[in-house]
Amino acid sequence: MATADNALPPGESSTDREDHVENPRRRDYLSIGAVAFAGVGAGVIALPLINQMNPSADVLALSTTTVDLSGIEPGQAITTSFRKQPLFVRNLTPKEIAEAEAVPLSELRDPETLAQRTKEGHENWLITLGVCTHLGCVPLGAGEGETRGPFGGYFCPCHGSVYDTAARIRQGPAPKNLFVPEYKFTSDTTVLVGEA
């Protein structure tokens, strides 16, 4: 006699029921296939969205600047542009190097040696952003005849910040030295700014 649990609906035999039972492996295969299909679809949709966040060619072109040093005499400086900001490139004289190295670090608000701010073997080349670290004005001192302040470096006319020959803050409200960007020498007379 059949129990209530094993009772079959009228007109159905036990062999009919066995034919309707699904194969559990087939169900797993369909589940895995659906998840994989959804994952591939999500990747196809996400890839262009992520790729559009990459910088464009014009932005990449601005990310580095090549500077020709051959025309800059000792004691001279030029102003060029790096990432839409002024860039000061100065060829220090032996006297300016000696003055920078003679300053005790204890006297500096933002202590850095000249060696930390230049590349080994190229200590005479000082490359900094021409942006005062107080409120972003452009200091004087890179152009011919501009005032360099009492320490021979740069003078910010906006609020009176004064930098020395190593572009280190010596007086005034600026909290930090002029920023030295990443750069490398590609030859004795060429520098690539924006790449270490």
C-alpha atoms as a PDB file:
ATOM      1  CA  MET A   1       0.000   0.000   0.000  1.00  0.00           C
ATOM      2  CA  ALA A   2       1.388   3.456  -0.956  1.00  0.00           C
ATOM      3  CA  THR A   3       1.885   6.096   1.697  1.00  0.00           C
ATOM      4  CA  ALA A   4       0.731   9.694   1.338  1.00  0.00           C
ATOM      5  CA  ASP A   5       4.278  10.806   0.502  1.00  0.00           C
ATOM      6  CA  ASN A   6       4.635   8.308  -2.306  1.00  0.00           C
ATOM      7  CA  ALA A   7       1.107   8.764  -3.647  1.00  0.00           C
ATOM      8  CA  LEU A   8       0.961   9.344  -7.376  1.00  0.00           C
ATOM      9  CA  PRO A   9      -1.593  11.541  -9.056  1.00  0.00           C
ATOM     10  CA  PRO A  10      -4.368   9.635 -10.786  1.00  0.00           C
ATOM     11  CA  GLY A  11      -3.303   8.259 -14.169  1.00  0.00           C
ATOM     12  CA  GLU A  12       0.489   8.501 -13.551  1.00  0.00           C
ATOM     13  CA  SER A  13       2.711   5.494 -13.051  1.00  0.00           C
ATOM     14  CA  SER A  14       6.021   5.353 -11.230  1.00  0.00           C
ATOM     15  CA  THR A  15       7.937   4.965 -14.524  1.00  0.00           C
ATOM     16  CA  ASP A  16       6.383   8.213 -15.812  1.00  0.00           C
ATOM     17  CA  ARG A  17       7.665  10.033 -12.750  1.00  0.00           C
ATOM     18  CA  GLU A  18      11.241   8.838 -13.234  1.00  0.00           C
ATOM     19  CA  ASP A  19      11.217  10.274 -16.776  1.00  0.00           C
ATOM     20  CA  HIS A  20      10.334  13.777 -15.431  1.00  0.00           C
ATOM     21  CA  VAL A  21      13.138  14.011 -12.845  1.00  0.00           C
ATOM     22  CA  GLU A  22      15.840  16.432 -14.097  1.00  0.00           C
ATOM     23  CA  ASN A  23      19.469  15.459 -14.226  1.00  0.00           C
ATOM     24  CA  PRO A  24      21.204  17.424 -11.402  1.00  0.00           C
ATOM     25  CA  ARG A  25      24.404  17.745 -13.436  1.00  0.00           C
ATOM     26  CA  ARG A  26      22.502  19.401 -16.268  1.00  0.00           C
ATOM     27  CA  ARG A  27      21.082  21.984 -13.829  1.00  0.00           C
ATOM     28  CA  ASP A  28      24.584  22.781 -12.514  1.00  0.00           C
ATOM     29  CA  TYR A  29      25.910  23.147 -16.050  1.00  0.00           C
ATOM     30  CA  LEU A  30      23.114  25.574 -16.939  1.00  0.00           C
ATOM     31  CA  SER A  31      23.744  27.629 -13.773  1.00  0.00           C
ATOM     32  CA  ILE A  32      27.473  27.849 -14.429  1.00  0.00           C
ATOM     33  CA  GLY A  33      26.867  28.698 -18.082  1.00  0.00           C
ATOM     34  CA  ALA A  34      24.442  31.497 -17.173  1.00  0.00           C
ATOM     35  CA  VAL A  35      26.850  33.016 -14.637  1.00  0.00           C
ATOM     36  CA  ALA A  36      29.756  32.825 -17.112  1.00  0.00           C
ATOM     37  CA  PHE A  37      27.642  34.425 -19.846  1.00  0.00           C
ATOM     38  CA  ALA A  38      26.646  37.243 -17.464  1.00  0.00           C
ATOM     39  CA  GLY A  39      30.310  37.754 -16.445  1.00  0.00           C
ATOM     40  CA  VAL A  40      31.457  38.047 -20.050  1.00  0.00           C
ATOM     41  CA  GLY A  41      28.600  40.458 -20.773  1.00  0.00           C
ATOM     42  CA  ALA A  42      29.535  42.610 -17.775  1.00  0.00           C
ATOM     43  CA  GLY A  43      33.171  42.668 -18.961  1.00  0.00           C
ATOM     44  CA  VAL A  44      32.158  43.707 -22.477  1.00  0.00           C
ATOM     45  CA  ILE A  45      30.094  46.569 -21.046  1.00  0.00           C
ATOM     46  CA  ALA A  46      32.680  47.633 -18.424  1.00  0.00           C
ATOM     47  CA  LEU A  47      35.738  47.657 -20.697  1.00  0.00           C
ATOM     48  CA  PRO A  48      34.758  50.722 -22.779  1.00  0.00           C
ATOM     49  CA  LEU A  49      33.624  52.533 -19.644  1.00  0.00           C
ATOM     50  CA  ILE A  50      36.972  51.950 -17.953  1.00  0.00           C
ATOM     51  CA  ASN A  51      38.937  52.712 -21.132  1.00  0.00           C
ATOM     52  CA  GLN A  52      37.286  56.126 -21.523  1.00  0.00           C
ATOM     53  CA  MET A  53      38.839  57.132 -18.168  1.00  0.00           C
ATOM     54  CA  ASN A  54      42.379  56.886 -19.633  1.00  0.00           C
ATOM     55  CA  PRO A  55      43.994  60.249 -20.373  1.00  0.00           C
ATOM     56  CA  SER A  56      43.627  61.500 -23.929  1.00  0.00           C
ATOM     57  CA  ALA A  57      46.585  62.032 -26.262  1.00  0.00           C
ATOM     58  CA  ASP A  58      46.651  65.804 -25.678  1.00  0.00           C
ATOM     59  CA  VAL A  59      46.775  65.290 -21.911  1.00  0.00           C
ATOM     60  CA  LEU A  60      49.586  62.755 -22.261  1.00  0.00           C
ATOM     61  CA  ALA A  61      51.493  65.227 -24.425  1.00  0.00           C
ATOM     62  CA  LEU A  62      51.307  67.798 -21.619  1.00  0.00           C
ATOM     63  CA  SER A  63      52.477  65.301 -19.006  1.00  0.00           C
ATOM     64  CA  THR A  64      56.143  65.744 -19.946  1.00  0.00           C
ATOM     65  CA  THR A  65      58.234  68.674 -21.130  1.00  0.00           C
ATOM     66  CA  THR A  66      61.606  68.541 -22.835  1.00  0.00           C
ATOM     67  CA  VAL A  67      63.957  71.414 -22.004  1.00  0.00           C
ATOM     68  CA  ASP A  68      67.069  72.294 -24.021  1.00  0.00           C
ATOM     69  CA  LEU A  69      69.731  73.524 -21.594  1.00  0.00           C
ATOM     70  CA  SER A  70      72.380  74.432 -24.175  1.00  0.00           C
ATOM     71  CA  GLY A  71      71.468  78.136 -24.329  1.00  0.00           C
ATOM     72  CA  ILE A  72      71.363  78.791 -20.576  1.00  0.00           C
ATOM     73  CA  GLU A  73      74.611  80.347 -19.363  1.00  0.00           C
ATOM     74  CA  PRO A  74      75.829  80.003 -15.746  1.00  0.00           C
ATOM     75  CA  GLY A  75      73.910  82.477 -13.597  1.00  0.00           C
ATOM     76  CA  GLN A  76      70.966  82.586 -16.025  1.00  0.00           C
ATOM     77  CA  ALA A  77      67.492  81.141 -15.671  1.00  0.00           C
ATOM     78  CA  ILE A  78      64.619  80.587 -18.070  1.00  0.00           C
ATOM     79  CA  THR A  79      60.909  80.170 -17.569  1.00  0.00           C
ATOM     80  CA  THR A  80      59.133  77.510 -19.590  1.00  0.00           C
ATOM     81  CA  SER A  81      55.883  75.622 -19.077  1.00  0.00           C
ATOM     82  CA  PHE A  82      55.153  72.245 -17.489  1.00  0.00           C
ATOM     83  CA  ARG A  83      51.559  71.004 -17.134  1.00  0.00           C
ATOM     84  CA  LYS A  84      50.294  74.554 -17.699  1.00  0.00           C
ATOM     85  CA  GLN A  85      52.438  75.925 -14.852  1.00  0.00           C
ATOM     86  CA  PRO A  86      55.621  78.007 -15.057  1.00  0.00           C
ATOM     87  CA  LEU A  87      58.826  76.009 -14.750  1.00  0.00           C
ATOM     88  CA  PHE A  88      62.069  77.677 -13.660  1.00  0.00           C
ATOM     89  CA  VAL A  89      65.315  76.203 -15.000  1.00  0.00           C
ATOM     90  CA  ARG A  90      68.437  77.810 -13.550  1.00  0.00           C
ATOM     91  CA  ASN A  91      72.110  77.194 -14.275  1.00  0.00           C
ATOM     92  CA  LEU A  92      73.743  77.921 -10.927  1.00  0.00           C
ATOM     93  CA  THR A  93      77.199  79.480 -10.750  1.00  0.00           C
ATOM     94  CA  PRO A  94      79.869  77.968  -8.480  1.00  0.00           C
ATOM     95  CA  LYS A  95      79.307  80.950  -6.140  1.00  0.00           C
ATOM     96  CA  GLU A  96      75.530  80.265  -5.947  1.00  0.00           C
ATOM     97  CA  ILE A  97      76.198  76.580  -5.286  1.00  0.00           C
ATOM     98  CA  ALA A  98      78.645  77.473  -2.482  1.00  0.00           C
ATOM     99  CA  GLU A  99      76.111  79.895  -0.946  1.00  0.00           C
ATOM    100  CA  ALA A 100      73.384  77.230  -0.983  1.00  0.00           C
ATOM    101  CA  GLU A 101      75.659  74.581   0.538  1.00  0.00           C
ATOM    102  CA  ALA A 102      76.881  76.963   3.288  1.00  0.00           C
ATOM    103  CA  VAL A 103      73.391  77.443   4.777  1.00  0.00           C
ATOM    104  CA  PRO A 104      72.878  75.343   7.937  1.00  0.00           C
ATOM    105  CA  LEU A 105      69.745  73.180   7.617  1.00  0.00           C
ATOM    106  CA  SER A 106      68.671  74.367  11.089  1.00  0.00           C
ATOM    107  CA  GLU A 107      68.061  77.835   9.581  1.00  0.00           C
ATOM    108  CA  LEU A 108      65.621  76.509   6.982  1.00  0.00           C
ATOM    109  CA  ARG A 109      61.856  76.316   7.400  1.00  0.00           C
ATOM    110  CA  ASP A 110      61.708  73.398   4.944  1.00  0.00           C
ATOM    111  CA  PRO A 111      65.170  71.804   5.355  1.00  0.00           C
ATOM    112  CA  GLU A 112      66.616  70.364   2.149  1.00  0.00           C
ATOM    113  CA  THR A 113      70.171  70.343   0.868  1.00  0.00           C
ATOM    114  CA  LEU A 114      71.030  71.485  -2.641  1.00  0.00           C
ATOM    115  CA  ALA A 115      72.012  67.872  -3.413  1.00  0.00           C
ATOM    116  CA  GLN A 116      68.469  66.755  -2.539  1.00  0.00           C
ATOM    117  CA  ARG A 117      67.042  69.329  -4.955  1.00  0.00           C
ATOM    118  CA  THR A 118      69.326  68.567  -7.923  1.00  0.00           C
ATOM    119  CA  LYS A 119      70.602  65.458  -9.724  1.00  0.00           C
ATOM    120  CA  GLU A 120      73.995  63.948  -8.956  1.00  0.00           C
ATOM    121  CA  GLY A 121      76.562  65.116 -11.467  1.00  0.00           C
ATOM    122  CA  HIS A 122      74.298  68.023 -12.473  1.00  0.00           C
ATOM    123  CA  GLU A 123      74.315  70.063  -9.244  1.00  0.00           C
ATOM    124  CA  ASN A 124      74.421  73.306 -11.216  1.00  0.00           C
ATOM    125  CA  TRP A 125      70.949  72.691 -12.754  1.00  0.00           C
ATOM    126  CA  LEU A 126      68.087  73.692 -10.477  1.00  0.00           C
ATOM    127  CA  ILE A 127      64.645  72.865 -11.886  1.00  0.00           C
ATOM    128  CA  THR A 128      61.558  73.962  -9.924  1.00  0.00           C
ATOM    129  CA  LEU A 129      57.961  74.898 -10.512  1.00  0.00           C
ATOM    130  CA  GLY A 130      57.626  78.674 -10.645  1.00  0.00           C
ATOM    131  CA  VAL A 131      54.715  78.741  -8.227  1.00  0.00           C
ATOM    132  CA  CYS A 132      55.030  80.266  -4.754  1.00  0.00           C
ATOM    133  CA  THR A 133      53.993  77.766  -2.103  1.00  0.00           C
ATOM    134  CA  HIS A 134      52.047  80.433  -0.206  1.00  0.00           C
ATOM    135  CA  LEU A 135      49.155  81.322  -2.535  1.00  0.00           C
ATOM    136  CA  GLY A 136      50.391  80.305  -5.969  1.00  0.00           C
ATOM    137  CA  CYS A 137      51.820  83.567  -7.343  1.00  0.00           C
ATOM    138  CA  VAL A 138      54.745  83.440  -9.785  1.00  0.00           C
ATOM    139  CA  PRO A 139      57.945  84.624  -8.089  1.00  0.00           C
ATOM    140  CA  LEU A 140      60.420  86.982  -9.760  1.00  0.00           C
ATOM    141  CA  GLY A 141      64.040  86.085 -10.346  1.00  0.00           C
ATOM    142  CA  ALA A 142      64.082  83.926 -13.469  1.00  0.00           C
ATOM    143  CA  GLY A 143      63.942  86.812 -15.940  1.00  0.00           C
ATOM    144  CA  GLU A 144      66.815  89.099 -16.810  1.00  0.00           C
ATOM    145  CA  GLY A 145      66.948  92.071 -14.411  1.00  0.00           C
ATOM    146  CA  GLU A 146      64.193  90.817 -12.095  1.00  0.00           C
ATOM    147  CA  THR A 147      64.696  91.185  -8.366  1.00  0.00           C
ATOM    148  CA  ARG A 148      65.912  88.013  -6.701  1.00  0.00           C
ATOM    149  CA  GLY A 149      65.598  89.162  -3.121  1.00  0.00           C
ATOM    150  CA  PRO A 150      68.303  89.288  -0.440  1.00  0.00           C
ATOM    151  CA  PHE A 151      69.205  85.591  -0.798  1.00  0.00           C
ATOM    152  CA  GLY A 152      69.796  85.667  -4.550  1.00  0.00           C
ATOM    153  CA  GLY A 153      67.077  83.207  -5.536  1.00  0.00           C
ATOM    154  CA  TYR A 154      63.473  84.219  -6.128  1.00  0.00           C
ATOM    155  CA  PHE A 155      61.190  86.900  -4.693  1.00  0.00           C
ATOM    156  CA  CYS A 156      57.408  86.612  -4.661  1.00  0.00           C
ATOM    157  CA  PRO A 157      55.894  90.093  -5.148  1.00  0.00           C
ATOM    158  CA  CYS A 158      52.446  89.076  -3.877  1.00  0.00           C
ATOM    159  CA  HIS A 159      53.255  88.612  -0.184  1.00  0.00           C
ATOM    160  CA  GLY A 160      57.042  88.934   0.077  1.00  0.00           C
ATOM    161  CA  SER A 161      58.218  85.323   0.232  1.00  0.00           C
ATOM    162  CA  VAL A 162      61.965  85.126  -0.399  1.00  0.00           C
ATOM    163  CA  TYR A 163      63.808  82.048  -1.700  1.00  0.00           C
ATOM    164  CA  ASP A 164      67.554  81.402  -1.793  1.00  0.00           C
ATOM    165  CA  THR A 165      69.748  80.171  -4.679  1.00  0.00           C
ATOM    166  CA  ALA A 166      68.457  76.605  -4.122  1.00  0.00           C
ATOM    167  CA  ALA A 167      64.834  77.895  -4.272  1.00  0.00           C
ATOM    168  CA  ARG A 168      64.368  77.194  -0.550  1.00  0.00           C
ATOM    169  CA  ILE A 169      62.069  79.445   1.477  1.00  0.00           C
ATOM    170  CA  ARG A 170      64.042  81.834   3.697  1.00  0.00           C
ATOM    171  CA  GLN A 171      61.602  84.646   4.586  1.00  0.00           C
ATOM    172  CA  GLY A 172      57.934  85.431   4.242  1.00  0.00           C
ATOM    173  CA  PRO A 173      54.719  83.444   4.570  1.00  0.00           C
ATOM    174  CA  ALA A 174      55.448  80.557   2.153  1.00  0.00           C
ATOM    175  CA  PRO A 175      55.547  77.282   4.111  1.00  0.00           C
ATOM    176  CA  LYS A 176      57.580  75.177   1.643  1.00  0.00           C
ATOM    177  CA  ASN A 177      60.432  75.403  -0.840  1.00  0.00           C
ATOM    178  CA  LEU A 178      59.615  75.758  -4.532  1.00  0.00           C
ATOM    179  CA  PHE A 179      58.563  72.306  -5.727  1.00  0.00           C
ATOM    180  CA  VAL A 180      61.078  70.202  -7.661  1.00  0.00           C
ATOM    181  CA  PRO A 181      59.197  68.035 -10.199  1.00  0.00           C
ATOM    182  CA  GLU A 182      60.364  64.603 -11.327  1.00  0.00           C
ATOM    183  CA  TYR A 183      62.875  64.893 -14.166  1.00  0.00           C
ATOM    184  CA  LYS A 184      65.785  63.111 -15.786  1.00  0.00           C
ATOM    185  CA  PHE A 185      68.665  64.074 -18.027  1.00  0.00           C
ATOM    186  CA  THR A 186      68.335  62.468 -21.452  1.00  0.00           C
ATOM    187  CA  SER A 187      71.664  64.017 -22.521  1.00  0.00           C
ATOM    188  CA  ASP A 188      74.109  66.562 -21.098  1.00  0.00           C
ATOM    189  CA  THR A 189      72.023  69.375 -22.570  1.00  0.00           C
ATOM    190  CA  THR A 190      68.471  67.978 -22.483  1.00  0.00           C
ATOM    191  CA  VAL A 191      66.112  67.329 -19.597  1.00  0.00           C
ATOM    192  CA  LEU A 192      62.801  65.481 -19.689  1.00  0.00           C
ATOM    193  CA  VAL A 193      60.563  66.928 -16.969  1.00  0.00           C
ATOM    194  CA  GLY A 194      57.705  64.773 -15.718  1.00  0.00           C
ATOM    195  CA  GLU A 195      59.612  61.506 -15.744  1.00  0.00           C
ATOM    196  CA  ALA A 196      62.141  60.205 -13.252  1.00  0.00           C
END
